[in-house]
Amino acid sequence: MPEEVLFKSESAQGRASIASYLREVADKLDAGDAITLTAGGQSVTLEPPAEPTFEVKAEREGPTEGPGELSIEFEIEWDEGASGEDGSLTIE
């Protein structure tokens, strides 16, 4: 299935600023509210269902030997009629 990017924003941010964004998303999820993402001239509003799939991934990109780029990705996804994989996640 082809992927259509509805919104993308990437910029260097301090840890506190990133934490603030994540808290705001967490508060909206907790309240069952829609989430609106806005940057520059682009904006998208999404309404996650009560039980979407939550994926957490840690990656290292780059050469096998030598420095690479590390990332932590948090993804909330859903589609019609799909059920999520059960499992417990702990973040320490």
N, C-alpha and C. Protein backbone atom coordinates (compact mmCIF):
# COMPACT_ATOMS: atom_id res chain seq x y z
N MET A 1 0.85 -1.17 0.00
CA MET A 1 0.00 0.00 0.00
C MET A 1 0.89 1.24 0.00
N PRO A 2 0.68 2.17 -0.92
CA PRO A 2 1.51 3.37 -0.96
C PRO A 2 1.31 4.25 0.26
N GLU A 3 2.34 4.95 0.61
CA GLU A 3 2.29 5.84 1.77
C GLU A 3 2.16 7.28 1.30
N GLU A 4 1.25 8.01 1.92
CA GLU A 4 1.06 9.43 1.65
C GLU A 4 1.40 10.21 2.92
N VAL A 5 2.40 11.06 2.85
CA VAL A 5 2.78 11.86 4.01
C VAL A 5 1.81 13.04 4.12
N LEU A 6 1.07 13.08 5.21
CA LEU A 6 0.10 14.15 5.44
C LEU A 6 0.72 15.36 6.12
N PHE A 7 1.80 15.13 6.87
CA PHE A 7 2.45 16.20 7.62
C PHE A 7 3.85 15.74 7.96
N LYS A 8 4.81 16.65 7.89
CA LYS A 8 6.17 16.33 8.33
C LYS A 8 6.83 17.59 8.85
N SER A 9 7.49 17.46 9.98
CA SER A 9 8.25 18.55 10.57
C SER A 9 9.49 17.95 11.20
N GLU A 10 10.62 18.54 10.92
CA GLU A 10 11.88 18.05 11.50
C GLU A 10 12.77 19.24 11.80
N SER A 11 13.19 19.36 13.06
CA SER A 11 14.08 20.44 13.45
C SER A 11 14.79 20.06 14.74
N ALA A 12 15.93 20.66 14.95
CA ALA A 12 16.66 20.44 16.19
C ALA A 12 15.89 21.10 17.34
N GLN A 13 15.71 20.38 18.42
CA GLN A 13 14.98 20.89 19.59
C GLN A 13 15.72 20.46 20.84
N GLY A 14 15.57 21.22 21.89
CA GLY A 14 16.11 20.82 23.18
C GLY A 14 15.26 19.70 23.78
N ARG A 15 15.82 18.96 24.70
CA ARG A 15 15.08 17.87 25.35
C ARG A 15 13.79 18.34 26.00
N ALA A 16 13.84 19.49 26.67
CA ALA A 16 12.65 20.01 27.37
C ALA A 16 11.54 20.34 26.37
N SER A 17 11.89 20.88 25.23
CA SER A 17 10.91 21.21 24.20
C SER A 17 10.27 19.94 23.64
N ILE A 18 11.08 18.93 23.37
CA ILE A 18 10.55 17.64 22.88
C ILE A 18 9.62 17.04 23.91
N ALA A 19 10.02 17.05 25.17
CA ALA A 19 9.18 16.51 26.24
C ALA A 19 7.85 17.25 26.32
N SER A 20 7.86 18.55 26.10
CA SER A 20 6.64 19.34 26.13
C SER A 20 5.69 18.91 25.00
N TYR A 21 6.21 18.71 23.80
CA TYR A 21 5.39 18.23 22.68
C TYR A 21 4.78 16.87 23.00
N LEU A 22 5.62 15.96 23.52
CA LEU A 22 5.13 14.62 23.84
C LEU A 22 4.06 14.66 24.93
N ARG A 23 4.25 15.54 25.94
CA ARG A 23 3.23 15.68 26.99
C ARG A 23 1.91 16.17 26.44
N GLU A 24 1.99 17.12 25.52
CA GLU A 24 0.76 17.66 24.93
C GLU A 24 0.01 16.58 24.15
N VAL A 25 0.74 15.79 23.38
CA VAL A 25 0.11 14.68 22.66
C VAL A 25 -0.47 13.68 23.66
N ALA A 26 0.27 13.35 24.71
CA ALA A 26 -0.20 12.41 25.73
C ALA A 26 -1.47 12.92 26.40
N ASP A 27 -1.52 14.21 26.71
CA ASP A 27 -2.71 14.79 27.34
C ASP A 27 -3.92 14.69 26.41
N LYS A 28 -3.72 14.95 25.11
CA LYS A 28 -4.82 14.86 24.15
C LYS A 28 -5.28 13.41 24.00
N LEU A 29 -4.35 12.46 23.96
CA LEU A 29 -4.73 11.05 23.89
C LEU A 29 -5.53 10.64 25.12
N ASP A 30 -5.05 11.06 26.28
CA ASP A 30 -5.70 10.72 27.54
C ASP A 30 -7.12 11.27 27.60
N ALA A 31 -7.32 12.47 27.06
CA ALA A 31 -8.63 13.11 27.08
C ALA A 31 -9.54 12.64 25.95
N GLY A 32 -8.98 11.90 24.98
CA GLY A 32 -9.78 11.47 23.83
C GLY A 32 -10.00 12.57 22.81
N ASP A 33 -9.15 13.59 22.85
CA ASP A 33 -9.28 14.73 21.93
C ASP A 33 -8.54 14.48 20.62
N ALA A 34 -8.94 15.21 19.59
CA ALA A 34 -8.22 15.19 18.31
C ALA A 34 -6.84 15.83 18.52
N ILE A 35 -5.91 15.46 17.66
CA ILE A 35 -4.55 16.00 17.72
C ILE A 35 -4.31 16.78 16.44
N THR A 36 -4.00 18.07 16.58
CA THR A 36 -3.72 18.91 15.42
C THR A 36 -2.23 19.22 15.40
N LEU A 37 -1.59 18.93 14.28
CA LEU A 37 -0.17 19.22 14.09
C LEU A 37 -0.07 20.40 13.12
N THR A 38 0.70 21.41 13.48
CA THR A 38 0.84 22.60 12.65
C THR A 38 2.29 23.04 12.63
N ALA A 39 2.80 23.33 11.45
CA ALA A 39 4.15 23.88 11.30
C ALA A 39 4.18 24.64 9.99
N GLY A 40 4.67 25.87 10.04
CA GLY A 40 4.70 26.68 8.82
C GLY A 40 3.31 26.79 8.22
N GLY A 41 3.18 26.50 6.95
CA GLY A 41 1.89 26.60 6.29
C GLY A 41 1.12 25.30 6.23
N GLN A 42 1.58 24.27 6.93
CA GLN A 42 0.89 22.98 6.89
C GLN A 42 0.24 22.65 8.22
N SER A 43 -0.87 21.93 8.13
CA SER A 43 -1.61 21.54 9.33
C SER A 43 -2.42 20.30 9.02
N VAL A 44 -2.54 19.40 10.01
CA VAL A 44 -3.38 18.22 9.87
C VAL A 44 -3.98 17.90 11.24
N THR A 45 -5.24 17.48 11.25
CA THR A 45 -5.90 17.07 12.49
C THR A 45 -6.27 15.60 12.37
N LEU A 46 -5.90 14.82 13.37
CA LEU A 46 -6.17 13.39 13.41
C LEU A 46 -6.92 13.04 14.68
N GLU A 47 -7.78 12.04 14.59
CA GLU A 47 -8.55 11.60 15.74
C GLU A 47 -8.28 10.11 16.00
N PRO A 48 -7.27 9.81 16.81
CA PRO A 48 -6.97 8.41 17.11
C PRO A 48 -8.14 7.73 17.82
N PRO A 49 -8.41 6.46 17.48
CA PRO A 49 -9.47 5.73 18.17
C PRO A 49 -9.07 5.39 19.60
N ALA A 50 -9.97 4.79 20.34
CA ALA A 50 -9.71 4.45 21.74
C ALA A 50 -8.56 3.47 21.90
N GLU A 51 -8.35 2.57 20.94
CA GLU A 51 -7.28 1.58 21.06
C GLU A 51 -6.48 1.42 19.77
N PRO A 52 -5.65 2.42 19.44
CA PRO A 52 -4.79 2.29 18.26
C PRO A 52 -3.60 1.38 18.58
N THR A 53 -2.84 1.05 17.57
CA THR A 53 -1.60 0.29 17.76
C THR A 53 -0.49 1.27 18.10
N PHE A 54 0.32 0.94 19.11
CA PHE A 54 1.42 1.79 19.55
C PHE A 54 2.72 1.05 19.30
N GLU A 55 3.59 1.63 18.51
CA GLU A 55 4.87 1.01 18.17
C GLU A 55 6.01 1.89 18.67
N VAL A 56 6.97 1.27 19.32
CA VAL A 56 8.18 1.96 19.76
C VAL A 56 9.36 1.24 19.14
N LYS A 57 10.25 2.01 18.54
CA LYS A 57 11.38 1.41 17.84
C LYS A 57 12.64 2.22 18.13
N ALA A 58 13.73 1.53 18.44
CA ALA A 58 15.05 2.17 18.56
C ALA A 58 15.88 1.68 17.38
N GLU A 59 16.48 2.61 16.65
CA GLU A 59 17.23 2.25 15.45
C GLU A 59 18.61 2.87 15.44
N ARG A 60 19.49 2.21 14.72
CA ARG A 60 20.81 2.75 14.41
C ARG A 60 20.95 2.67 12.91
N GLU A 61 21.17 3.80 12.27
CA GLU A 61 21.37 3.84 10.82
C GLU A 61 22.81 4.26 10.55
N GLY A 62 23.39 3.65 9.54
CA GLY A 62 24.74 4.02 9.17
C GLY A 62 25.58 2.80 8.90
N PRO A 63 26.87 3.02 8.76
CA PRO A 63 27.77 1.91 8.44
C PRO A 63 27.86 0.91 9.59
N THR A 64 28.16 -0.33 9.25
CA THR A 64 28.30 -1.38 10.26
C THR A 64 29.41 -1.02 11.25
N GLU A 65 30.49 -0.49 10.71
CA GLU A 65 31.61 -0.07 11.56
C GLU A 65 31.67 1.45 11.56
N GLY A 66 31.77 2.04 12.71
CA GLY A 66 31.86 3.50 12.78
C GLY A 66 30.56 4.12 13.27
N PRO A 67 30.60 5.44 13.44
CA PRO A 67 29.44 6.13 14.00
C PRO A 67 28.26 6.14 13.03
N GLY A 68 27.10 6.10 13.60
CA GLY A 68 25.86 6.16 12.81
C GLY A 68 24.91 7.16 13.44
N GLU A 69 23.66 7.07 13.06
CA GLU A 69 22.63 7.94 13.62
C GLU A 69 21.68 7.09 14.44
N LEU A 70 21.44 7.47 15.68
CA LEU A 70 20.53 6.75 16.56
C LEU A 70 19.19 7.47 16.61
N SER A 71 18.12 6.69 16.76
CA SER A 71 16.81 7.31 16.87
C SER A 71 15.88 6.47 17.74
N ILE A 72 14.92 7.16 18.34
CA ILE A 72 13.80 6.52 19.03
C ILE A 72 12.56 7.00 18.29
N GLU A 73 11.75 6.06 17.82
CA GLU A 73 10.55 6.41 17.09
C GLU A 73 9.32 5.92 17.85
N PHE A 74 8.35 6.81 17.99
CA PHE A 74 7.06 6.46 18.60
C PHE A 74 6.02 6.61 17.49
N GLU A 75 5.25 5.55 17.27
CA GLU A 75 4.25 5.59 16.21
C GLU A 75 2.91 5.11 16.74
N ILE A 76 1.89 5.88 16.47
CA ILE A 76 0.52 5.51 16.82
C ILE A 76 -0.19 5.33 15.49
N GLU A 77 -0.70 4.14 15.25
CA GLU A 77 -1.34 3.90 13.96
C GLU A 77 -2.66 3.16 14.11
N TRP A 78 -3.52 3.34 13.13
CA TRP A 78 -4.80 2.66 13.16
C TRP A 78 -5.36 2.61 11.75
N ASP A 79 -6.20 1.64 11.51
CA ASP A 79 -6.98 1.60 10.28
C ASP A 79 -8.30 0.88 10.56
N GLU A 80 -9.16 0.89 9.63
CA GLU A 80 -10.48 0.30 9.84
C GLU A 80 -10.38 -1.20 9.98
N GLY A 81 -11.01 -1.73 11.00
CA GLY A 81 -11.11 -3.16 11.19
C GLY A 81 -9.86 -3.89 11.63
N ALA A 82 -8.77 -3.18 11.93
CA ALA A 82 -7.55 -3.86 12.34
C ALA A 82 -7.49 -3.98 13.85
N SER A 83 -6.88 -5.07 14.31
CA SER A 83 -6.68 -5.21 15.76
C SER A 83 -5.19 -5.12 16.04
N GLY A 84 -4.86 -4.50 17.16
CA GLY A 84 -3.47 -4.32 17.53
C GLY A 84 -2.87 -5.56 18.17
N GLU A 85 -1.56 -5.63 18.17
CA GLU A 85 -0.84 -6.74 18.81
C GLU A 85 -0.78 -6.48 20.30
N ASP A 86 -1.13 -7.49 21.08
CA ASP A 86 -1.07 -7.33 22.54
C ASP A 86 0.37 -7.47 23.01
N GLY A 87 0.73 -6.73 24.01
CA GLY A 87 2.06 -6.80 24.59
C GLY A 87 2.22 -5.65 25.54
N SER A 88 3.07 -5.83 26.53
CA SER A 88 3.25 -4.74 27.47
C SER A 88 4.58 -4.06 27.19
N LEU A 89 4.58 -2.77 27.30
CA LEU A 89 5.75 -1.95 27.06
C LEU A 89 6.09 -1.22 28.34
N THR A 90 7.36 -1.17 28.65
CA THR A 90 7.84 -0.39 29.79
C THR A 90 8.87 0.59 29.29
N ILE A 91 8.75 1.85 29.68
CA ILE A 91 9.74 2.86 29.35
C ILE A 91 10.32 3.35 30.66
N GLU A 92 11.63 3.21 30.80
CA GLU A 92 12.28 3.58 32.06
C GLU A 92 13.14 4.81 31.86
